[in-house]
Amino acid sequence: AARVLDRYVDALAIRAFPQFKSWDRDREDTVVRSFAREARVPVINMESAIEHPCQGLADAVTIVERLGETKGRPFCLSWAWHPKALPLAVPHSALLAAAHLGMEVRLACPPGYEPDPEVLKKVKALAAESGGGYETFHDQAKAIKGARVVYAKSWASIAHWGDAEAEKAARKDLRPWQVTGNAMRTTAEGFFMHCLPV
């Protein structure tokens, strides 16, 4: 398919969601990587199982436009309740974008909802190289307090990946994980972000 399509275009934009059967399999990003390997034109990742780089870039632009100087500023990515399991691409890319900007990256999530360990390793290294830092919080209020940016997003637990019933059970008591007006009042004049136009 890549070899046929690349004859008609100057670039290919691919969006491939996870199958939610096996995290080890989904994290390989087989569709996007196969197109990138086979196509003779540039391939743009419009969202895969592991990353959403265009979203991350747009988020970085928004943060720079709003804050100006980003180095050392607290950025909080907070897990937020949603009725179903969602992909990890956006949270991964939000963390990577904030790390690129040299921010003090805070991840707020319930225990068991930590993102992919390899991505977190990249985030930690990138934040350190860029003059920022990284910390995981299981206390949402503590993570949000004093933040300049609060980004709310839901995602699935890797521990329950592919098991809808286990995921549903794990999140049934997590409805309080919301970014509320009261939570935002504890920020340092922080602003709220979300990946959708809501």
C-alpha atoms as a PDB file:
ATOM      1  CA  ALA A   1       0.000   0.000   0.000  1.00  0.00           C
ATOM      2  CA  ALA A   2       2.810   2.437   0.879  1.00  0.00           C
ATOM      3  CA  ARG A   3       4.585   1.815  -2.443  1.00  0.00           C
ATOM      4  CA  VAL A   4       1.383   2.433  -4.398  1.00  0.00           C
ATOM      5  CA  LEU A   5       0.248   5.492  -2.468  1.00  0.00           C
ATOM      6  CA  ASP A   6       3.648   7.178  -2.549  1.00  0.00           C
ATOM      7  CA  ARG A   7       3.420   7.419  -6.357  1.00  0.00           C
ATOM      8  CA  TYR A   8       0.496   9.820  -6.060  1.00  0.00           C
ATOM      9  CA  VAL A   9       1.571  12.135  -3.254  1.00  0.00           C
ATOM     10  CA  ASP A  10       4.439  14.176  -1.847  1.00  0.00           C
ATOM     11  CA  ALA A  11       3.844  12.925   1.704  1.00  0.00           C
ATOM     12  CA  LEU A  12       1.695  10.400   3.535  1.00  0.00           C
ATOM     13  CA  ALA A  13      -0.105  11.154   6.799  1.00  0.00           C
ATOM     14  CA  ILE A  14      -0.919   8.017   8.786  1.00  0.00           C
ATOM     15  CA  ARG A  15      -3.190   7.634  11.802  1.00  0.00           C
ATOM     16  CA  ALA A  16      -3.229   4.187  13.391  1.00  0.00           C
ATOM     17  CA  PHE A  17      -4.854   3.538  16.744  1.00  0.00           C
ATOM     18  CA  PRO A  18      -3.905   0.736  19.138  1.00  0.00           C
ATOM     19  CA  GLN A  19      -5.797  -2.538  18.947  1.00  0.00           C
ATOM     20  CA  PHE A  20      -6.062  -2.808  22.770  1.00  0.00           C
ATOM     21  CA  LYS A  21      -5.123  -6.500  22.768  1.00  0.00           C
ATOM     22  CA  SER A  22      -1.455  -6.470  23.768  1.00  0.00           C
ATOM     23  CA  TRP A  23       0.551  -3.440  24.915  1.00  0.00           C
ATOM     24  CA  ASP A  24       3.806  -5.080  23.802  1.00  0.00           C
ATOM     25  CA  ARG A  25       2.338  -5.466  20.318  1.00  0.00           C
ATOM     26  CA  ASP A  26       0.654  -2.045  20.169  1.00  0.00           C
ATOM     27  CA  ARG A  27       3.775  -0.213  21.358  1.00  0.00           C
ATOM     28  CA  GLU A  28       5.638  -1.451  18.257  1.00  0.00           C
ATOM     29  CA  ASP A  29       3.572   0.968  16.114  1.00  0.00           C
ATOM     30  CA  THR A  30       3.687  -1.524  13.256  1.00  0.00           C
ATOM     31  CA  VAL A  31       1.449   0.398  10.830  1.00  0.00           C
ATOM     32  CA  VAL A  32       3.229   3.762  11.047  1.00  0.00           C
ATOM     33  CA  ARG A  33       6.684   2.172  11.109  1.00  0.00           C
ATOM     34  CA  SER A  34       5.879  -0.062   8.120  1.00  0.00           C
ATOM     35  CA  PHE A  35       4.694   2.902   6.059  1.00  0.00           C
ATOM     36  CA  ALA A  36       7.803   4.871   7.065  1.00  0.00           C
ATOM     37  CA  ARG A  37      10.041   1.970   6.059  1.00  0.00           C
ATOM     38  CA  GLU A  38       8.355   1.242   2.711  1.00  0.00           C
ATOM     39  CA  ALA A  39       7.250   4.652   1.420  1.00  0.00           C
ATOM     40  CA  ARG A  40       9.618   6.728  -0.688  1.00  0.00           C
ATOM     41  CA  VAL A  41       8.031   9.987   0.494  1.00  0.00           C
ATOM     42  CA  PRO A  42       7.931  11.472   3.981  1.00  0.00           C
ATOM     43  CA  VAL A  43       5.485   9.832   6.394  1.00  0.00           C
ATOM     44  CA  ILE A  44       3.811  11.971   9.054  1.00  0.00           C
ATOM     45  CA  ASN A  45       2.573  10.303  12.229  1.00  0.00           C
ATOM     46  CA  MET A  46      -0.924  11.726  12.765  1.00  0.00           C
ATOM     47  CA  GLU A  47      -1.319   9.546  15.890  1.00  0.00           C
ATOM     48  CA  SER A  48      -0.159   6.065  16.643  1.00  0.00           C
ATOM     49  CA  ALA A  49      -0.397   3.825  19.677  1.00  0.00           C
ATOM     50  CA  ILE A  50       2.683   5.370  21.273  1.00  0.00           C
ATOM     51  CA  GLU A  51       2.802   9.035  20.158  1.00  0.00           C
ATOM     52  CA  HIS A  52       0.856  11.918  18.636  1.00  0.00           C
ATOM     53  CA  PRO A  53       3.731  14.210  17.599  1.00  0.00           C
ATOM     54  CA  CYS A  54       1.627  16.810  15.758  1.00  0.00           C
ATOM     55  CA  GLN A  55      -0.562  17.238  18.846  1.00  0.00           C
ATOM     56  CA  GLY A  56       2.563  17.522  20.990  1.00  0.00           C
ATOM     57  CA  LEU A  57       3.967  20.207  18.676  1.00  0.00           C
ATOM     58  CA  ALA A  58       0.691  22.155  18.735  1.00  0.00           C
ATOM     59  CA  ASP A  59       0.640  21.890  22.531  1.00  0.00           C
ATOM     60  CA  ALA A  60       4.240  23.155  22.735  1.00  0.00           C
ATOM     61  CA  VAL A  61       3.378  26.146  20.520  1.00  0.00           C
ATOM     62  CA  THR A  62       0.385  26.972  22.730  1.00  0.00           C
ATOM     63  CA  ILE A  63       2.495  26.773  25.889  1.00  0.00           C
ATOM     64  CA  VAL A  64       5.193  29.039  24.434  1.00  0.00           C
ATOM     65  CA  GLU A  65       2.573  31.517  23.196  1.00  0.00           C
ATOM     66  CA  ARG A  66       0.959  31.669  26.631  1.00  0.00           C
ATOM     67  CA  LEU A  67       4.047  31.586  28.871  1.00  0.00           C
ATOM     68  CA  GLY A  68       6.902  32.944  26.788  1.00  0.00           C
ATOM     69  CA  GLU A  69       9.731  31.528  28.901  1.00  0.00           C
ATOM     70  CA  THR A  70       9.072  27.868  29.671  1.00  0.00           C
ATOM     71  CA  LYS A  71      12.279  26.679  31.300  1.00  0.00           C
ATOM     72  CA  GLY A  72      11.680  25.607  34.886  1.00  0.00           C
ATOM     73  CA  ARG A  73       7.952  26.384  34.765  1.00  0.00           C
ATOM     74  CA  PRO A  74       5.727  23.672  36.314  1.00  0.00           C
ATOM     75  CA  PHE A  75       3.660  21.646  33.816  1.00  0.00           C
ATOM     76  CA  CYS A  76       1.167  19.115  35.177  1.00  0.00           C
ATOM     77  CA  LEU A  77      -0.314  16.336  33.066  1.00  0.00           C
ATOM     78  CA  SER A  78      -3.227  14.970  35.065  1.00  0.00           C
ATOM     79  CA  TRP A  79      -5.021  11.717  34.383  1.00  0.00           C
ATOM     80  CA  ALA A  80      -8.741  12.449  34.243  1.00  0.00           C
ATOM     81  CA  TRP A  81     -11.661  10.056  34.562  1.00  0.00           C
ATOM     82  CA  HIS A  82     -13.402   8.879  31.397  1.00  0.00           C
ATOM     83  CA  PRO A  83     -15.883   6.001  31.032  1.00  0.00           C
ATOM     84  CA  LYS A  84     -13.654   4.021  28.676  1.00  0.00           C
ATOM     85  CA  ALA A  85     -10.007   3.192  28.108  1.00  0.00           C
ATOM     86  CA  LEU A  86      -8.264   5.653  25.792  1.00  0.00           C
ATOM     87  CA  PRO A  87      -4.879   5.501  24.007  1.00  0.00           C
ATOM     88  CA  LEU A  88      -1.596   6.721  25.498  1.00  0.00           C
ATOM     89  CA  ALA A  89      -0.363   8.661  22.445  1.00  0.00           C
ATOM     90  CA  VAL A  90      -1.523  12.121  23.573  1.00  0.00           C
ATOM     91  CA  PRO A  91      -0.272  11.862  27.163  1.00  0.00           C
ATOM     92  CA  HIS A  92       3.078  10.556  25.936  1.00  0.00           C
ATOM     93  CA  SER A  93       3.427  13.435  23.482  1.00  0.00           C
ATOM     94  CA  ALA A  94       2.297  16.052  26.029  1.00  0.00           C
ATOM     95  CA  LEU A  95       4.960  14.848  28.476  1.00  0.00           C
ATOM     96  CA  LEU A  96       7.620  14.838  25.749  1.00  0.00           C
ATOM     97  CA  ALA A  97       6.638  18.340  24.569  1.00  0.00           C
ATOM     98  CA  ALA A  98       6.867  19.778  28.094  1.00  0.00           C
ATOM     99  CA  ALA A  99      10.201  18.035  28.621  1.00  0.00           C
ATOM    100  CA  HIS A 100      11.540  19.514  25.342  1.00  0.00           C
ATOM    101  CA  LEU A 101      10.574  22.946  26.657  1.00  0.00           C
ATOM    102  CA  GLY A 102      12.658  22.446  29.811  1.00  0.00           C
ATOM    103  CA  MET A 103       9.636  22.514  32.087  1.00  0.00           C
ATOM    104  CA  GLU A 104       9.303  20.961  35.523  1.00  0.00           C
ATOM    105  CA  VAL A 105       7.132  18.083  34.324  1.00  0.00           C
ATOM    106  CA  ARG A 106       4.664  16.635  36.808  1.00  0.00           C
ATOM    107  CA  LEU A 107       2.665  13.515  36.028  1.00  0.00           C
ATOM    108  CA  ALA A 108      -0.440  13.088  38.200  1.00  0.00           C
ATOM    109  CA  CYS A 109      -2.106   9.693  37.902  1.00  0.00           C
ATOM    110  CA  PRO A 110      -3.691   7.003  40.047  1.00  0.00           C
ATOM    111  CA  PRO A 111      -1.379   4.086  40.913  1.00  0.00           C
ATOM    112  CA  GLY A 112      -1.334   1.664  37.985  1.00  0.00           C
ATOM    113  CA  TYR A 113      -1.926   4.376  35.359  1.00  0.00           C
ATOM    114  CA  GLU A 114       1.697   5.322  34.772  1.00  0.00           C
ATOM    115  CA  PRO A 115       2.502   5.661  31.037  1.00  0.00           C
ATOM    116  CA  ASP A 116       4.960   3.459  29.144  1.00  0.00           C
ATOM    117  CA  PRO A 117       8.242   3.111  31.115  1.00  0.00           C
ATOM    118  CA  GLU A 118      10.390   3.625  27.995  1.00  0.00           C
ATOM    119  CA  VAL A 119       8.585   6.877  27.186  1.00  0.00           C
ATOM    120  CA  LEU A 120       8.981   8.051  30.779  1.00  0.00           C
ATOM    121  CA  LYS A 121      12.696   7.305  30.572  1.00  0.00           C
ATOM    122  CA  LYS A 122      12.889   9.586  27.498  1.00  0.00           C
ATOM    123  CA  VAL A 123      10.860  12.288  29.252  1.00  0.00           C
ATOM    124  CA  LYS A 124      13.163  12.258  32.289  1.00  0.00           C
ATOM    125  CA  ALA A 125      16.321  12.426  30.155  1.00  0.00           C
ATOM    126  CA  LEU A 126      14.924  15.118  27.862  1.00  0.00           C
ATOM    127  CA  ALA A 127      13.692  17.253  30.760  1.00  0.00           C
ATOM    128  CA  ALA A 128      17.106  17.064  32.441  1.00  0.00           C
ATOM    129  CA  GLU A 129      18.924  17.941  29.176  1.00  0.00           C
ATOM    130  CA  SER A 130      16.578  20.887  28.580  1.00  0.00           C
ATOM    131  CA  GLY A 131      16.983  22.390  32.048  1.00  0.00           C
ATOM    132  CA  GLY A 132      13.808  21.007  33.609  1.00  0.00           C
ATOM    133  CA  GLY A 133      12.850  18.007  35.676  1.00  0.00           C
ATOM    134  CA  TYR A 134      10.319  15.218  36.091  1.00  0.00           C
ATOM    135  CA  GLU A 135       8.269  13.804  38.967  1.00  0.00           C
ATOM    136  CA  THR A 136       5.354  11.350  39.273  1.00  0.00           C
ATOM    137  CA  PHE A 137       2.559  12.133  41.745  1.00  0.00           C
ATOM    138  CA  HIS A 138      -0.287   9.894  42.893  1.00  0.00           C
ATOM    139  CA  ASP A 139      -1.776  12.906  44.673  1.00  0.00           C
ATOM    140  CA  GLN A 140      -3.470  15.051  42.024  1.00  0.00           C
ATOM    141  CA  ALA A 141      -3.912  18.120  44.249  1.00  0.00           C
ATOM    142  CA  LYS A 142      -0.209  18.162  45.147  1.00  0.00           C
ATOM    143  CA  ALA A 143       0.800  17.891  41.477  1.00  0.00           C
ATOM    144  CA  ILE A 144      -1.522  20.689  40.330  1.00  0.00           C
ATOM    145  CA  LYS A 145      -0.619  23.134  43.118  1.00  0.00           C
ATOM    146  CA  GLY A 146       1.560  25.928  41.773  1.00  0.00           C
ATOM    147  CA  ALA A 147       1.498  24.667  38.155  1.00  0.00           C
ATOM    148  CA  ARG A 148       1.566  27.130  35.257  1.00  0.00           C
ATOM    149  CA  VAL A 149      -0.025  24.599  32.869  1.00  0.00           C
ATOM    150  CA  VAL A 150      -2.533  21.873  33.745  1.00  0.00           C
ATOM    151  CA  TYR A 151      -3.258  19.387  30.964  1.00  0.00           C
ATOM    152  CA  ALA A 152      -6.130  16.949  31.581  1.00  0.00           C
ATOM    153  CA  LYS A 153      -6.265  13.642  29.705  1.00  0.00           C
ATOM    154  CA  SER A 154      -7.558  10.140  30.286  1.00  0.00           C
ATOM    155  CA  TRP A 155      -5.721   7.006  29.225  1.00  0.00           C
ATOM    156  CA  ALA A 156      -5.840   3.266  29.757  1.00  0.00           C
ATOM    157  CA  SER A 157      -3.830   1.350  32.314  1.00  0.00           C
ATOM    158  CA  ILE A 158      -1.054  -0.679  30.694  1.00  0.00           C
ATOM    159  CA  ALA A 159      -1.544  -3.227  33.494  1.00  0.00           C
ATOM    160  CA  HIS A 160      -5.100  -3.876  32.240  1.00  0.00           C
ATOM    161  CA  TRP A 161      -4.399  -3.351  28.510  1.00  0.00           C
ATOM    162  CA  GLY A 162      -6.735  -5.512  26.463  1.00  0.00           C
ATOM    163  CA  ASP A 163      -8.912  -6.519  29.432  1.00  0.00           C
ATOM    164  CA  ALA A 164     -11.952  -4.229  29.280  1.00  0.00           C
ATOM    165  CA  GLU A 165     -13.556  -5.662  32.422  1.00  0.00           C
ATOM    166  CA  ALA A 166     -10.394  -5.246  34.522  1.00  0.00           C
ATOM    167  CA  GLU A 167      -9.974  -1.695  33.190  1.00  0.00           C
ATOM    168  CA  LYS A 168     -13.599  -0.860  34.015  1.00  0.00           C
ATOM    169  CA  ALA A 169     -13.175  -2.225  37.546  1.00  0.00           C
ATOM    170  CA  ALA A 170      -9.898  -0.329  38.048  1.00  0.00           C
ATOM    171  CA  ARG A 171     -11.427   3.026  37.142  1.00  0.00           C
ATOM    172  CA  LYS A 172     -14.820   2.635  38.857  1.00  0.00           C
ATOM    173  CA  ASP A 173     -13.705   4.522  41.992  1.00  0.00           C
ATOM    174  CA  LEU A 174     -11.594   7.091  40.141  1.00  0.00           C
ATOM    175  CA  ARG A 175     -14.334   9.616  39.211  1.00  0.00           C
ATOM    176  CA  PRO A 176     -12.842  12.198  41.627  1.00  0.00           C
ATOM    177  CA  TRP A 177      -9.821  12.429  39.290  1.00  0.00           C
ATOM    178  CA  GLN A 178     -11.090  15.586  37.591  1.00  0.00           C
ATOM    179  CA  VAL A 179      -9.525  18.982  37.031  1.00  0.00           C
ATOM    180  CA  THR A 180     -11.999  21.320  38.715  1.00  0.00           C
ATOM    181  CA  GLY A 181     -12.209  25.063  39.152  1.00  0.00           C
ATOM    182  CA  ASN A 182     -11.116  24.613  42.757  1.00  0.00           C
ATOM    183  CA  ALA A 183      -8.040  22.695  41.603  1.00  0.00           C
ATOM    184  CA  MET A 184      -7.189  25.404  39.069  1.00  0.00           C
ATOM    185  CA  ARG A 185      -7.398  28.059  41.796  1.00  0.00           C
ATOM    186  CA  THR A 186      -4.388  26.385  43.463  1.00  0.00           C
ATOM    187  CA  THR A 187      -2.178  26.947  40.404  1.00  0.00           C
ATOM    188  CA  ALA A 188       0.257  29.822  39.921  1.00  0.00           C
ATOM    189  CA  GLU A 189      -2.100  31.645  37.520  1.00  0.00           C
ATOM    190  CA  GLY A 190      -2.005  28.444  35.511  1.00  0.00           C
ATOM    191  CA  PHE A 191      -4.010  27.768  32.409  1.00  0.00           C
ATOM    192  CA  PHE A 192      -5.917  24.635  31.454  1.00  0.00           C
ATOM    193  CA  MET A 193      -5.235  22.521  28.374  1.00  0.00           C
ATOM    194  CA  HIS A 194      -6.932  19.572  26.741  1.00  0.00           C
ATOM    195  CA  CYS A 195      -6.258  17.867  23.421  1.00  0.00           C
ATOM    196  CA  LEU A 196      -9.774  18.448  22.085  1.00  0.00           C
ATOM    197  CA  PRO A 197     -11.585  21.701  21.324  1.00  0.00           C
ATOM    198  CA  VAL A 198     -13.711  21.500  24.474  1.00  0.00           C
END
